[in-house]
Amino acid sequence: MRRREFIAGLTGATIAGPSAAIAQAPPKVFHLGTLAPGAPLDEKNPLAAILLKALEQHGYTLGKNLTLEARGAGGEVGTLPEIVRGMKANQVDVIVAVGFPVILACKVANVATVVAFGGGDPVATHLIDGLARPGGNITGISDNATTLSTKRLALIKQAVPKLQRVAMLWNRDDLGMSMRYEASAGAARSIGVTVQPLGVRAPDDFDGVFEAMDRDPPDAILLVADVLTNLNRKRVFDYAAAHHIPALFEYDIPWVHDGGLMSYGPDLQECFERAAGLTARIFGGARPADLPFEEPTRYKLVINLKIAKATGIQLPVNFVALADGVIE
C-alpha cells in the first residue's frame, strides 16, 4: 500500500512539475527601439511618453514586458547606418523612426520599422512599394504633402493678406524634405505667390539664407522641418522676430512651443498613438510588409500669441479664431 502511494505521489509530482514550471515562466520581453536624427526619443521626451503610454494600453509596459533603446544621431546623420546596425545587433523587435534619413537607414538594415512622422512621401522616395501594401520592412504614418502644402499656403495668405513673396527654407540633402519643398513651392505658385527658395545643407548656410532675406525681404517664411532646420530653429525664430516676418512651421512640437510664431501640421499625439498601435501589431506577429501606411486624421493650427505680441506681428482676428491651440 505504501509502495502504491509512493508511486502515485511520484507520478503526481512528475505531472505537476512541468505545469508549475510553465506557470512560472517569465513573459516574453519585447525590445523597442526609437531613433531620431537629433536628440533621442527617450522617456523624458514628450512624444516618446505618448508612445509608451499608448503601448501600455496595448499591453506592453516598460519595465515589465517592454524595454526601450532610445537613440539619436545628434544631427550627424552619417552615423545613422552604424547606429541602426548596433540596434539590430541588440535584437530590437521594432524601431519607431522619425525622419527620412533614419527610415532609409532602417530600410537598408532590414529592421522592422514604424514611421512616426517626418518621412515625406514614402512611395515617391522609394522607401516602400505602395501605401496599401508596403512590401518591405517599413510601415507607419504618412501624410499628403500636396494637400498639406496647399493648406499651409492658404493659412499664410490669411495671416498675411498682402502676401506676395514667401521664403522657403529646407534641407537640400534630405530627399523627403526636398520633395515636400517642391510641393509647397507648387502650391505657392498656384495662388500667385513668388517663392524665394532658400535651401541649406549645413549650419553655416543659414548665414547666407539671412543675407538673402536681407536683400529681398519676404512677406512670410515657411520652414520645412528636418534635423538640420530643427537644430537651427532658434536662429530662424530670432531672425523672423527681429525683422517682424510671420513664420509658419510644420509642427507645434517643438517649434511653436520653443518660440516659433505658428504651425500647421498633423497632431503628433495622434501620430505617436497610431504608431504604437502598429508597433503592437508587429509585436503580435504581423509583418510591416502587410500593414498599410496610415494618414493622420487630425491636423492643428497652433499660434503663439506671446511671440506675436513680443515681436509686434499683427495677426488678423479672423485668422487667430481658426487656431486649434493658442499659446499666450
C-alpha atoms as a PDB file:
ATOM      1  CA  MET A   1       0.000   0.000   0.000  1.00  0.00           C
ATOM      2  CA  ARG A   2       2.767   2.340   0.932  1.00  0.00           C
ATOM      3  CA  ARG A   3       4.548   1.462  -2.316  1.00  0.00           C
ATOM      4  CA  ARG A   4       1.440   2.300  -4.369  1.00  0.00           C
ATOM      5  CA  GLU A   5       1.057   5.619  -2.508  1.00  0.00           C
ATOM      6  CA  PHE A   6       4.712   6.425  -3.161  1.00  0.00           C
ATOM      7  CA  ILE A   7       4.409   5.703  -6.899  1.00  0.00           C
ATOM      8  CA  ALA A   8       1.188   7.746  -7.149  1.00  0.00           C
ATOM      9  CA  GLY A   9       2.834  10.610  -5.349  1.00  0.00           C
ATOM     10  CA  LEU A  10       5.890  10.419  -7.600  1.00  0.00           C
ATOM     11  CA  THR A  11       3.689  10.332 -10.712  1.00  0.00           C
ATOM     12  CA  GLY A  12       1.734  13.347  -9.473  1.00  0.00           C
ATOM     13  CA  ALA A  13       4.934  15.248  -8.843  1.00  0.00           C
ATOM     14  CA  THR A  14       6.148  14.403 -12.328  1.00  0.00           C
ATOM     15  CA  ILE A  15       2.928  15.697 -13.872  1.00  0.00           C
ATOM     16  CA  ALA A  16       2.729  18.784 -11.667  1.00  0.00           C
ATOM     17  CA  GLY A  17       6.391  19.705 -12.140  1.00  0.00           C
ATOM     18  CA  PRO A  18       6.248  20.894 -15.765  1.00  0.00           C
ATOM     19  CA  SER A  19       2.914  22.646 -15.147  1.00  0.00           C
ATOM     20  CA  ALA A  20       4.429  24.589 -12.310  1.00  0.00           C
ATOM     21  CA  ALA A  21       7.434  25.448 -14.460  1.00  0.00           C
ATOM     22  CA  ILE A  22       5.164  26.666 -17.258  1.00  0.00           C
ATOM     23  CA  ALA A  23       3.114  28.761 -14.847  1.00  0.00           C
ATOM     24  CA  GLN A  24       6.267  30.424 -13.519  1.00  0.00           C
ATOM     25  CA  ALA A  25       7.860  31.062 -16.924  1.00  0.00           C
ATOM     26  CA  PRO A  26       8.599  34.777 -17.350  1.00  0.00           C
ATOM     27  CA  PRO A  27       6.601  36.611 -20.042  1.00  0.00           C
ATOM     28  CA  LYS A  28       8.308  37.462 -23.319  1.00  0.00           C
ATOM     29  CA  VAL A  29      10.047  40.814 -23.141  1.00  0.00           C
ATOM     30  CA  PHE A  30       9.805  42.931 -26.283  1.00  0.00           C
ATOM     31  CA  HIS A  31      12.656  45.245 -27.215  1.00  0.00           C
ATOM     32  CA  LEU A  32      11.500  48.596 -28.616  1.00  0.00           C
ATOM     33  CA  GLY A  33      13.896  50.964 -30.320  1.00  0.00           C
ATOM     34  CA  THR A  34      13.322  54.640 -31.080  1.00  0.00           C
ATOM     35  CA  LEU A  35      15.590  56.519 -33.421  1.00  0.00           C
ATOM     36  CA  ALA A  36      15.686  60.189 -34.367  1.00  0.00           C
ATOM     37  CA  PRO A  37      18.215  62.217 -36.363  1.00  0.00           C
ATOM     38  CA  GLY A  38      18.533  64.660 -33.485  1.00  0.00           C
ATOM     39  CA  ALA A  39      18.046  64.036 -29.769  1.00  0.00           C
ATOM     40  CA  PRO A  40      16.924  60.575 -28.597  1.00  0.00           C
ATOM     41  CA  LEU A  41      13.231  59.906 -28.088  1.00  0.00           C
ATOM     42  CA  ASP A  42      13.702  58.670 -24.542  1.00  0.00           C
ATOM     43  CA  GLU A  43      11.330  58.551 -21.588  1.00  0.00           C
ATOM     44  CA  LYS A  44      11.843  62.271 -20.913  1.00  0.00           C
ATOM     45  CA  ASN A  45      10.723  63.202 -24.421  1.00  0.00           C
ATOM     46  CA  PRO A  46       7.015  64.193 -24.582  1.00  0.00           C
ATOM     47  CA  LEU A  47       6.451  62.343 -27.859  1.00  0.00           C
ATOM     48  CA  ALA A  48       8.100  59.171 -26.573  1.00  0.00           C
ATOM     49  CA  ALA A  49       5.945  59.464 -23.456  1.00  0.00           C
ATOM     50  CA  ILE A  50       2.849  59.405 -25.699  1.00  0.00           C
ATOM     51  CA  LEU A  51       4.206  56.331 -27.494  1.00  0.00           C
ATOM     52  CA  LEU A  52       4.940  54.436 -24.277  1.00  0.00           C
ATOM     53  CA  LYS A  53       1.575  55.301 -22.723  1.00  0.00           C
ATOM     54  CA  ALA A  54      -0.238  54.072 -25.828  1.00  0.00           C
ATOM     55  CA  LEU A  55       1.816  50.860 -25.876  1.00  0.00           C
ATOM     56  CA  GLU A  56       0.869  50.256 -22.257  1.00  0.00           C
ATOM     57  CA  GLN A  57      -2.776  50.400 -23.301  1.00  0.00           C
ATOM     58  CA  HIS A  58      -1.964  47.653 -25.817  1.00  0.00           C
ATOM     59  CA  GLY A  59      -0.476  45.516 -23.042  1.00  0.00           C
ATOM     60  CA  TYR A  60       3.213  46.418 -23.308  1.00  0.00           C
ATOM     61  CA  THR A  61       4.593  48.075 -20.199  1.00  0.00           C
ATOM     62  CA  LEU A  62       8.097  49.417 -19.741  1.00  0.00           C
ATOM     63  CA  GLY A  63       9.903  47.504 -17.016  1.00  0.00           C
ATOM     64  CA  LYS A  64       7.557  44.511 -17.245  1.00  0.00           C
ATOM     65  CA  ASN A  65       7.389  43.103 -20.752  1.00  0.00           C
ATOM     66  CA  LEU A  66       8.957  46.014 -22.645  1.00  0.00           C
ATOM     67  CA  THR A  67      12.411  47.567 -22.831  1.00  0.00           C
ATOM     68  CA  LEU A  68      13.399  50.784 -24.589  1.00  0.00           C
ATOM     69  CA  GLU A  69      16.563  51.564 -26.518  1.00  0.00           C
ATOM     70  CA  ALA A  70      16.346  55.259 -27.412  1.00  0.00           C
ATOM     71  CA  ARG A  71      18.994  56.503 -29.803  1.00  0.00           C
ATOM     72  CA  GLY A  72      19.638  59.776 -31.592  1.00  0.00           C
ATOM     73  CA  ALA A  73      22.228  60.883 -34.124  1.00  0.00           C
ATOM     74  CA  GLY A  74      22.634  64.375 -32.671  1.00  0.00           C
ATOM     75  CA  GLY A  75      22.424  65.884 -36.127  1.00  0.00           C
ATOM     76  CA  GLU A  76      25.187  63.647 -37.504  1.00  0.00           C
ATOM     77  CA  VAL A  77      23.041  61.749 -39.988  1.00  0.00           C
ATOM     78  CA  GLY A  78      26.111  60.000 -41.415  1.00  0.00           C
ATOM     79  CA  THR A  79      26.248  57.916 -38.227  1.00  0.00           C
ATOM     80  CA  LEU A  80      22.711  56.552 -38.657  1.00  0.00           C
ATOM     81  CA  PRO A  81      23.654  53.348 -40.546  1.00  0.00           C
ATOM     82  CA  GLU A  82      26.081  52.367 -37.770  1.00  0.00           C
ATOM     83  CA  ILE A  83      23.512  53.177 -35.071  1.00  0.00           C
ATOM     84  CA  VAL A  84      20.871  51.050 -36.802  1.00  0.00           C
ATOM     85  CA  ARG A  85      23.301  48.151 -37.195  1.00  0.00           C
ATOM     86  CA  GLY A  86      24.016  48.355 -33.469  1.00  0.00           C
ATOM     87  CA  MET A  87      20.317  48.327 -32.622  1.00  0.00           C
ATOM     88  CA  LYS A  88      19.800  45.343 -34.918  1.00  0.00           C
ATOM     89  CA  ALA A  89      22.661  43.537 -33.163  1.00  0.00           C
ATOM     90  CA  ASN A  90      20.899  44.277 -29.864  1.00  0.00           C
ATOM     91  CA  GLN A  91      17.879  42.447 -31.304  1.00  0.00           C
ATOM     92  CA  VAL A  92      15.308  45.221 -31.170  1.00  0.00           C
ATOM     93  CA  ASP A  93      11.917  43.945 -32.290  1.00  0.00           C
ATOM     94  CA  VAL A  94      10.765  47.243 -33.803  1.00  0.00           C
ATOM     95  CA  ILE A  95      12.306  50.666 -34.385  1.00  0.00           C
ATOM     96  CA  VAL A  96       9.963  53.650 -34.236  1.00  0.00           C
ATOM     97  CA  ALA A  97      11.629  56.093 -36.609  1.00  0.00           C
ATOM     98  CA  VAL A  98      11.451  59.830 -37.274  1.00  0.00           C
ATOM     99  CA  GLY A  99      12.723  61.499 -40.445  1.00  0.00           C
ATOM    100  CA  PHE A 100      13.688  60.296 -43.911  1.00  0.00           C
ATOM    101  CA  PRO A 101      17.423  59.628 -43.220  1.00  0.00           C
ATOM    102  CA  VAL A 102      16.502  57.417 -40.257  1.00  0.00           C
ATOM    103  CA  ILE A 103      13.909  55.476 -42.227  1.00  0.00           C
ATOM    104  CA  LEU A 104      16.336  54.950 -45.100  1.00  0.00           C
ATOM    105  CA  ALA A 105      18.981  53.558 -42.723  1.00  0.00           C
ATOM    106  CA  CYS A 106      16.376  51.181 -41.253  1.00  0.00           C
ATOM    107  CA  LYS A 107      15.337  50.055 -44.731  1.00  0.00           C
ATOM    108  CA  VAL A 108      18.918  49.237 -45.704  1.00  0.00           C
ATOM    109  CA  ALA A 109      19.467  47.296 -42.459  1.00  0.00           C
ATOM    110  CA  ASN A 110      16.148  45.433 -42.948  1.00  0.00           C
ATOM    111  CA  VAL A 111      14.879  46.146 -39.435  1.00  0.00           C
ATOM    112  CA  ALA A 112      11.136  46.109 -38.685  1.00  0.00           C
ATOM    113  CA  THR A 113      10.289  49.810 -38.674  1.00  0.00           C
ATOM    114  CA  VAL A 114       7.297  52.015 -37.846  1.00  0.00           C
ATOM    115  CA  VAL A 115       7.420  55.598 -39.133  1.00  0.00           C
ATOM    116  CA  ALA A 116       6.032  58.041 -36.564  1.00  0.00           C
ATOM    117  CA  PHE A 117       6.262  61.186 -38.702  1.00  0.00           C
ATOM    118  CA  GLY A 118       8.568  63.278 -40.848  1.00  0.00           C
ATOM    119  CA  GLY A 119       9.362  60.767 -43.571  1.00  0.00           C
ATOM    120  CA  GLY A 120       7.870  62.605 -46.518  1.00  0.00           C
ATOM    121  CA  ASP A 121       6.157  60.605 -49.276  1.00  0.00           C
ATOM    122  CA  PRO A 122       7.415  57.015 -48.714  1.00  0.00           C
ATOM    123  CA  VAL A 123       6.365  55.855 -52.189  1.00  0.00           C
ATOM    124  CA  ALA A 124       7.896  58.758 -54.116  1.00  0.00           C
ATOM    125  CA  THR A 125      11.167  58.343 -52.192  1.00  0.00           C
ATOM    126  CA  HIS A 126      11.155  54.568 -52.888  1.00  0.00           C
ATOM    127  CA  LEU A 127      11.078  53.562 -49.247  1.00  0.00           C
ATOM    128  CA  ILE A 128       8.074  51.286 -49.875  1.00  0.00           C
ATOM    129  CA  ASP A 129       6.210  49.723 -52.802  1.00  0.00           C
ATOM    130  CA  GLY A 130       2.819  51.239 -52.001  1.00  0.00           C
ATOM    131  CA  LEU A 131       0.808  52.705 -49.146  1.00  0.00           C
ATOM    132  CA  ALA A 132      -1.721  49.859 -49.090  1.00  0.00           C
ATOM    133  CA  ARG A 133       0.936  47.150 -49.172  1.00  0.00           C
ATOM    134  CA  PRO A 134       4.390  48.483 -48.257  1.00  0.00           C
ATOM    135  CA  GLY A 135       6.083  45.219 -49.227  1.00  0.00           C
ATOM    136  CA  GLY A 136       9.220  45.566 -47.121  1.00  0.00           C
ATOM    137  CA  ASN A 137      10.277  46.158 -43.539  1.00  0.00           C
ATOM    138  CA  ILE A 138       8.593  49.566 -43.124  1.00  0.00           C
ATOM    139  CA  THR A 139       5.085  50.749 -42.237  1.00  0.00           C
ATOM    140  CA  GLY A 140       3.841  53.760 -40.354  1.00  0.00           C
ATOM    141  CA  ILE A 141       2.161  57.145 -40.539  1.00  0.00           C
ATOM    142  CA  SER A 142       2.347  59.237 -43.705  1.00  0.00           C
ATOM    143  CA  ASP A 143       0.753  62.470 -44.860  1.00  0.00           C
ATOM    144  CA  ASN A 144      -0.340  64.029 -48.112  1.00  0.00           C
ATOM    145  CA  ALA A 145       2.347  66.638 -48.820  1.00  0.00           C
ATOM    146  CA  THR A 146       0.441  68.291 -51.661  1.00  0.00           C
ATOM    147  CA  THR A 147      -2.765  68.725 -49.665  1.00  0.00           C
ATOM    148  CA  LEU A 148      -0.843  69.912 -46.606  1.00  0.00           C
ATOM    149  CA  SER A 149       1.230  72.380 -48.626  1.00  0.00           C
ATOM    150  CA  THR A 150      -1.867  73.901 -50.206  1.00  0.00           C
ATOM    151  CA  LYS A 151      -3.465  74.305 -46.770  1.00  0.00           C
ATOM    152  CA  ARG A 152      -0.323  75.825 -45.274  1.00  0.00           C
ATOM    153  CA  LEU A 153      -0.035  78.384 -48.054  1.00  0.00           C
ATOM    154  CA  ALA A 154      -3.722  79.252 -47.710  1.00  0.00           C
ATOM    155  CA  LEU A 155      -3.183  79.834 -43.980  1.00  0.00           C
ATOM    156  CA  ILE A 156      -0.150  82.049 -44.617  1.00  0.00           C
ATOM    157  CA  LYS A 157      -2.291  84.021 -47.064  1.00  0.00           C
ATOM    158  CA  GLN A 158      -4.897  84.516 -44.340  1.00  0.00           C
ATOM    159  CA  ALA A 159      -2.244  85.536 -41.817  1.00  0.00           C
ATOM    160  CA  VAL A 160      -0.615  87.902 -44.323  1.00  0.00           C
ATOM    161  CA  PRO A 161      -3.408  89.098 -46.659  1.00  0.00           C
ATOM    162  CA  LYS A 162      -0.958  91.101 -48.805  1.00  0.00           C
ATOM    163  CA  LEU A 163       1.345  88.099 -49.265  1.00  0.00           C
ATOM    164  CA  GLN A 164       3.428  88.319 -52.445  1.00  0.00           C
ATOM    165  CA  ARG A 165       6.735  86.617 -51.603  1.00  0.00           C
ATOM    166  CA  VAL A 166       7.290  83.645 -49.296  1.00  0.00           C
ATOM    167  CA  ALA A 167      10.759  82.434 -48.315  1.00  0.00           C
ATOM    168  CA  MET A 168      11.005  78.650 -48.060  1.00  0.00           C
ATOM    169  CA  LEU A 169      13.781  77.054 -46.015  1.00  0.00           C
ATOM    170  CA  TRP A 170      14.557  73.357 -46.338  1.00  0.00           C
ATOM    171  CA  ASN A 171      17.412  70.856 -46.221  1.00  0.00           C
ATOM    172  CA  ARG A 172      18.579  70.143 -49.780  1.00  0.00           C
ATOM    173  CA  ASP A 173      20.271  66.899 -48.678  1.00  0.00           C
ATOM    174  CA  ASP A 174      17.061  65.362 -47.322  1.00  0.00           C
ATOM    175  CA  LEU A 175      15.162  63.819 -50.234  1.00  0.00           C
ATOM    176  CA  GLY A 176      11.898  63.583 -48.307  1.00  0.00           C
ATOM    177  CA  MET A 177      12.029  67.251 -47.313  1.00  0.00           C
ATOM    178  CA  SER A 178      13.155  68.385 -50.775  1.00  0.00           C
ATOM    179  CA  MET A 179      10.036  66.772 -52.218  1.00  0.00           C
ATOM    180  CA  ARG A 180       7.939  68.482 -49.552  1.00  0.00           C
ATOM    181  CA  TYR A 181       9.527  71.809 -50.539  1.00  0.00           C
ATOM    182  CA  GLU A 182       8.631  71.169 -54.192  1.00  0.00           C
ATOM    183  CA  ALA A 183       5.011  70.511 -53.228  1.00  0.00           C
ATOM    184  CA  SER A 184       4.946  73.694 -51.149  1.00  0.00           C
ATOM    185  CA  ALA A 185       6.514  75.752 -53.934  1.00  0.00           C
ATOM    186  CA  GLY A 186       3.964  74.423 -56.399  1.00  0.00           C
ATOM    187  CA  ALA A 187       1.131  75.335 -54.043  1.00  0.00           C
ATOM    188  CA  ALA A 188       2.526  78.865 -53.641  1.00  0.00           C
ATOM    189  CA  ARG A 189       2.784  79.439 -57.374  1.00  0.00           C
ATOM    190  CA  SER A 190      -0.765  78.192 -57.868  1.00  0.00           C
ATOM    191  CA  ILE A 191      -2.067  81.136 -55.807  1.00  0.00           C
ATOM    192  CA  GLY A 192       0.222  83.663 -57.485  1.00  0.00           C
ATOM    193  CA  VAL A 193       2.835  83.888 -54.715  1.00  0.00           C
ATOM    194  CA  THR A 194       6.531  84.252 -55.586  1.00  0.00           C
ATOM    195  CA  VAL A 195       8.760  81.629 -53.978  1.00  0.00           C
ATOM    196  CA  GLN A 196      12.148  82.555 -52.552  1.00  0.00           C
ATOM    197  CA  PRO A 197      13.957  79.166 -52.433  1.00  0.00           C
ATOM    198  CA  LEU A 198      16.486  79.002 -49.599  1.00  0.00           C
ATOM    199  CA  GLY A 199      17.895  75.502 -49.370  1.00  0.00           C
ATOM    200  CA  VAL A 200      20.544  74.650 -46.776  1.00  0.00           C
ATOM    201  CA  ARG A 201      22.992  71.793 -46.314  1.00  0.00           C
ATOM    202  CA  ALA A 202      24.937  72.842 -43.210  1.00  0.00           C
ATOM    203  CA  PRO A 203      24.557  75.207 -40.238  1.00  0.00           C
ATOM    204  CA  ASP A 204      26.801  77.817 -41.877  1.00  0.00           C
ATOM    205  CA  ASP A 205      24.345  78.025 -44.780  1.00  0.00           C
ATOM    206  CA  PHE A 206      21.863  79.841 -42.563  1.00  0.00           C
ATOM    207  CA  ASP A 207      24.083  82.938 -42.664  1.00  0.00           C
ATOM    208  CA  GLY A 208      23.608  83.015 -46.440  1.00  0.00           C
ATOM    209  CA  VAL A 209      19.867  82.494 -46.003  1.00  0.00           C
ATOM    210  CA  PHE A 210      19.588  85.501 -43.737  1.00  0.00           C
ATOM    211  CA  GLU A 211      21.675  87.616 -46.101  1.00  0.00           C
ATOM    212  CA  ALA A 212      19.391  86.629 -48.979  1.00  0.00           C
ATOM    213  CA  MET A 213      16.330  87.696 -46.996  1.00  0.00           C
ATOM    214  CA  ASP A 214      18.066  90.959 -46.096  1.00  0.00           C
ATOM    215  CA  ARG A 215      18.497  91.683 -49.808  1.00  0.00           C
ATOM    216  CA  ASP A 216      14.981  90.596 -50.789  1.00  0.00           C
ATOM    217  CA  PRO A 217      12.738  90.699 -47.720  1.00  0.00           C
ATOM    218  CA  PRO A 218       9.913  88.136 -47.880  1.00  0.00           C
ATOM    219  CA  ASP A 219       6.408  88.744 -46.580  1.00  0.00           C
ATOM    220  CA  ALA A 220       6.437  85.403 -44.759  1.00  0.00           C
ATOM    221  CA  ILE A 221       8.623  82.361 -44.078  1.00  0.00           C
ATOM    222  CA  LEU A 222       7.689  78.684 -44.457  1.00  0.00           C
ATOM    223  CA  LEU A 223      10.210  76.294 -42.938  1.00  0.00           C
ATOM    224  CA  VAL A 224      10.278  72.596 -43.844  1.00  0.00           C
ATOM    225  CA  ALA A 225      11.160  70.567 -40.760  1.00  0.00           C
ATOM    226  CA  ASP A 226      14.077  68.164 -40.561  1.00  0.00           C
ATOM    227  CA  VAL A 227      17.009  67.659 -38.191  1.00  0.00           C
ATOM    228  CA  LEU A 228      19.137  70.460 -39.705  1.00  0.00           C
ATOM    229  CA  THR A 229      16.401  73.091 -39.618  1.00  0.00           C
ATOM    230  CA  ASN A 230      15.276  71.842 -36.208  1.00  0.00           C
ATOM    231  CA  LEU A 231      18.727  72.227 -34.666  1.00  0.00           C
ATOM    232  CA  ASN A 232      18.936  75.754 -36.061  1.00  0.00           C
ATOM    233  CA  ARG A 233      15.363  76.757 -35.304  1.00  0.00           C
ATOM    234  CA  LYS A 234      16.252  79.420 -32.726  1.00  0.00           C
ATOM    235  CA  ARG A 235      18.280  81.306 -35.321  1.00  0.00           C
ATOM    236  CA  VAL A 236      15.223  81.358 -37.579  1.00  0.00           C
ATOM    237  CA  PHE A 237      12.994  82.427 -34.666  1.00  0.00           C
ATOM    238  CA  ASP A 238      15.348  85.292 -33.820  1.00  0.00           C
ATOM    239  CA  TYR A 239      15.667  86.477 -37.420  1.00  0.00           C
ATOM    240  CA  ALA A 240      11.924  86.397 -38.043  1.00  0.00           C
ATOM    241  CA  ALA A 241      11.245  88.224 -34.770  1.00  0.00           C
ATOM    242  CA  ALA A 242      13.888  90.915 -35.391  1.00  0.00           C
ATOM    243  CA  HIS A 243      12.509  91.610 -38.876  1.00  0.00           C
ATOM    244  CA  HIS A 244       8.825  91.217 -37.935  1.00  0.00           C
ATOM    245  CA  ILE A 245       8.277  88.467 -40.506  1.00  0.00           C
ATOM    246  CA  PRO A 246       5.471  85.956 -39.827  1.00  0.00           C
ATOM    247  CA  ALA A 247       6.844  82.406 -39.996  1.00  0.00           C
ATOM    248  CA  LEU A 248       4.872  79.184 -40.318  1.00  0.00           C
ATOM    249  CA  PHE A 249       6.345  75.866 -39.189  1.00  0.00           C
ATOM    250  CA  GLU A 250       5.166  72.323 -39.859  1.00  0.00           C
ATOM    251  CA  TYR A 251       4.771  71.103 -36.264  1.00  0.00           C
ATOM    252  CA  ASP A 252       3.901  72.679 -32.930  1.00  0.00           C
ATOM    253  CA  ILE A 253       6.315  70.392 -31.022  1.00  0.00           C
ATOM    254  CA  PRO A 254       8.945  71.669 -30.529  1.00  0.00           C
ATOM    255  CA  TRP A 255       8.661  74.598 -32.940  1.00  0.00           C
ATOM    256  CA  VAL A 256       5.846  76.795 -31.640  1.00  0.00           C
ATOM    257  CA  HIS A 257       6.371  75.726 -28.031  1.00  0.00           C
ATOM    258  CA  ASP A 258      10.013  76.802 -28.287  1.00  0.00           C
ATOM    259  CA  GLY A 259       9.409  80.251 -29.756  1.00  0.00           C
ATOM    260  CA  GLY A 260       8.018  79.883 -33.255  1.00  0.00           C
ATOM    261  CA  LEU A 261       5.053  82.034 -34.258  1.00  0.00           C
ATOM    262  CA  MET A 262       2.674  79.432 -35.692  1.00  0.00           C
ATOM    263  CA  SER A 263       2.404  75.933 -37.141  1.00  0.00           C
ATOM    264  CA  TYR A 264       0.050  73.781 -39.122  1.00  0.00           C
ATOM    265  CA  GLY A 265       0.508  70.043 -39.323  1.00  0.00           C
ATOM    266  CA  PRO A 266      -0.629  66.648 -38.120  1.00  0.00           C
ATOM    267  CA  ASP A 267      -1.492  66.168 -34.472  1.00  0.00           C
ATOM    268  CA  LEU A 268       1.677  64.474 -33.220  1.00  0.00           C
ATOM    269  CA  GLN A 269      -0.126  62.896 -30.284  1.00  0.00           C
ATOM    270  CA  GLU A 270      -2.366  61.039 -32.727  1.00  0.00           C
ATOM    271  CA  CYS A 271       0.640  60.086 -34.875  1.00  0.00           C
ATOM    272  CA  PHE A 272       2.506  58.511 -31.969  1.00  0.00           C
ATOM    273  CA  GLU A 273      -0.586  56.790 -30.617  1.00  0.00           C
ATOM    274  CA  ARG A 274      -1.199  55.196 -34.005  1.00  0.00           C
ATOM    275  CA  ALA A 275       2.489  54.342 -34.336  1.00  0.00           C
ATOM    276  CA  ALA A 276       2.100  52.492 -31.028  1.00  0.00           C
ATOM    277  CA  GLY A 277      -0.833  50.561 -32.480  1.00  0.00           C
ATOM    278  CA  LEU A 278       1.218  49.463 -35.483  1.00  0.00           C
ATOM    279  CA  THR A 279       4.126  48.548 -33.202  1.00  0.00           C
ATOM    280  CA  ALA A 280       1.834  46.407 -31.052  1.00  0.00           C
ATOM    281  CA  ARG A 281       0.613  44.563 -34.144  1.00  0.00           C
ATOM    282  CA  ILE A 282       4.210  43.769 -35.124  1.00  0.00           C
ATOM    283  CA  PHE A 283       4.914  42.578 -31.567  1.00  0.00           C
ATOM    284  CA  GLY A 284       1.908  40.300 -32.059  1.00  0.00           C
ATOM    285  CA  GLY A 285       3.392  38.730 -35.180  1.00  0.00           C
ATOM    286  CA  ALA A 286       2.249  40.965 -38.055  1.00  0.00           C
ATOM    287  CA  ARG A 287       4.746  41.843 -40.786  1.00  0.00           C
ATOM    288  CA  PRO A 288       5.360  45.510 -41.691  1.00  0.00           C
ATOM    289  CA  ALA A 289       5.048  44.493 -45.349  1.00  0.00           C
ATOM    290  CA  ASP A 290       1.372  43.656 -44.769  1.00  0.00           C
ATOM    291  CA  LEU A 291       0.428  46.692 -42.656  1.00  0.00           C
ATOM    292  CA  PRO A 292      -0.849  49.603 -44.781  1.00  0.00           C
ATOM    293  CA  PHE A 293       0.547  53.053 -44.174  1.00  0.00           C
ATOM    294  CA  GLU A 294      -1.948  55.285 -42.384  1.00  0.00           C
ATOM    295  CA  GLU A 295      -2.610  59.010 -42.704  1.00  0.00           C
ATOM    296  CA  PRO A 296      -3.309  61.356 -39.784  1.00  0.00           C
ATOM    297  CA  THR A 297      -6.929  62.317 -39.286  1.00  0.00           C
ATOM    298  CA  ARG A 298      -6.298  65.359 -37.094  1.00  0.00           C
ATOM    299  CA  TYR A 299      -4.384  68.494 -38.106  1.00  0.00           C
ATOM    300  CA  LYS A 300      -3.777  71.514 -35.895  1.00  0.00           C
ATOM    301  CA  LEU A 301      -3.167  75.223 -36.359  1.00  0.00           C
ATOM    302  CA  VAL A 302      -1.252  76.435 -33.303  1.00  0.00           C
ATOM    303  CA  ILE A 303      -0.417  80.104 -32.734  1.00  0.00           C
ATOM    304  CA  ASN A 304       1.982  81.565 -30.179  1.00  0.00           C
ATOM    305  CA  LEU A 305       0.329  84.898 -29.377  1.00  0.00           C
ATOM    306  CA  LYS A 306       3.016  85.617 -26.829  1.00  0.00           C
ATOM    307  CA  ILE A 307       5.579  85.715 -29.641  1.00  0.00           C
ATOM    308  CA  ALA A 308       3.251  87.748 -31.863  1.00  0.00           C
ATOM    309  CA  LYS A 309       2.859  90.402 -29.176  1.00  0.00           C
ATOM    310  CA  ALA A 310       6.562  90.425 -28.277  1.00  0.00           C
ATOM    311  CA  THR A 311       7.634  90.906 -31.898  1.00  0.00           C
ATOM    312  CA  GLY A 312       4.904  93.337 -32.927  1.00  0.00           C
ATOM    313  CA  ILE A 313       3.409  91.000 -35.545  1.00  0.00           C
ATOM    314  CA  GLN A 314      -0.280  91.732 -36.004  1.00  0.00           C
ATOM    315  CA  LEU A 315      -2.301  88.670 -36.958  1.00  0.00           C
ATOM    316  CA  PRO A 316      -5.857  89.154 -38.254  1.00  0.00           C
ATOM    317  CA  VAL A 317      -8.522  88.373 -35.662  1.00  0.00           C
ATOM    318  CA  ASN A 318     -10.345  86.018 -38.036  1.00  0.00           C
ATOM    319  CA  PHE A 319      -7.098  84.075 -38.566  1.00  0.00           C
ATOM    320  CA  VAL A 320      -6.455  83.687 -34.826  1.00  0.00           C
ATOM    321  CA  ALA A 321     -10.046  82.467 -34.443  1.00  0.00           C
ATOM    322  CA  LEU A 322      -9.162  79.463 -36.637  1.00  0.00           C
ATOM    323  CA  ALA A 323      -6.494  78.220 -34.217  1.00  0.00           C
ATOM    324  CA  ASP A 324      -6.842  74.824 -32.568  1.00  0.00           C
ATOM    325  CA  GLY A 325      -4.327  75.867 -29.946  1.00  0.00           C
ATOM    326  CA  VAL A 326      -3.145  79.256 -28.679  1.00  0.00           C
ATOM    327  CA  ILE A 327      -0.105  79.927 -26.512  1.00  0.00           C
ATOM    328  CA  GLU A 328      -0.458  83.149 -24.526  1.00  0.00           C
END
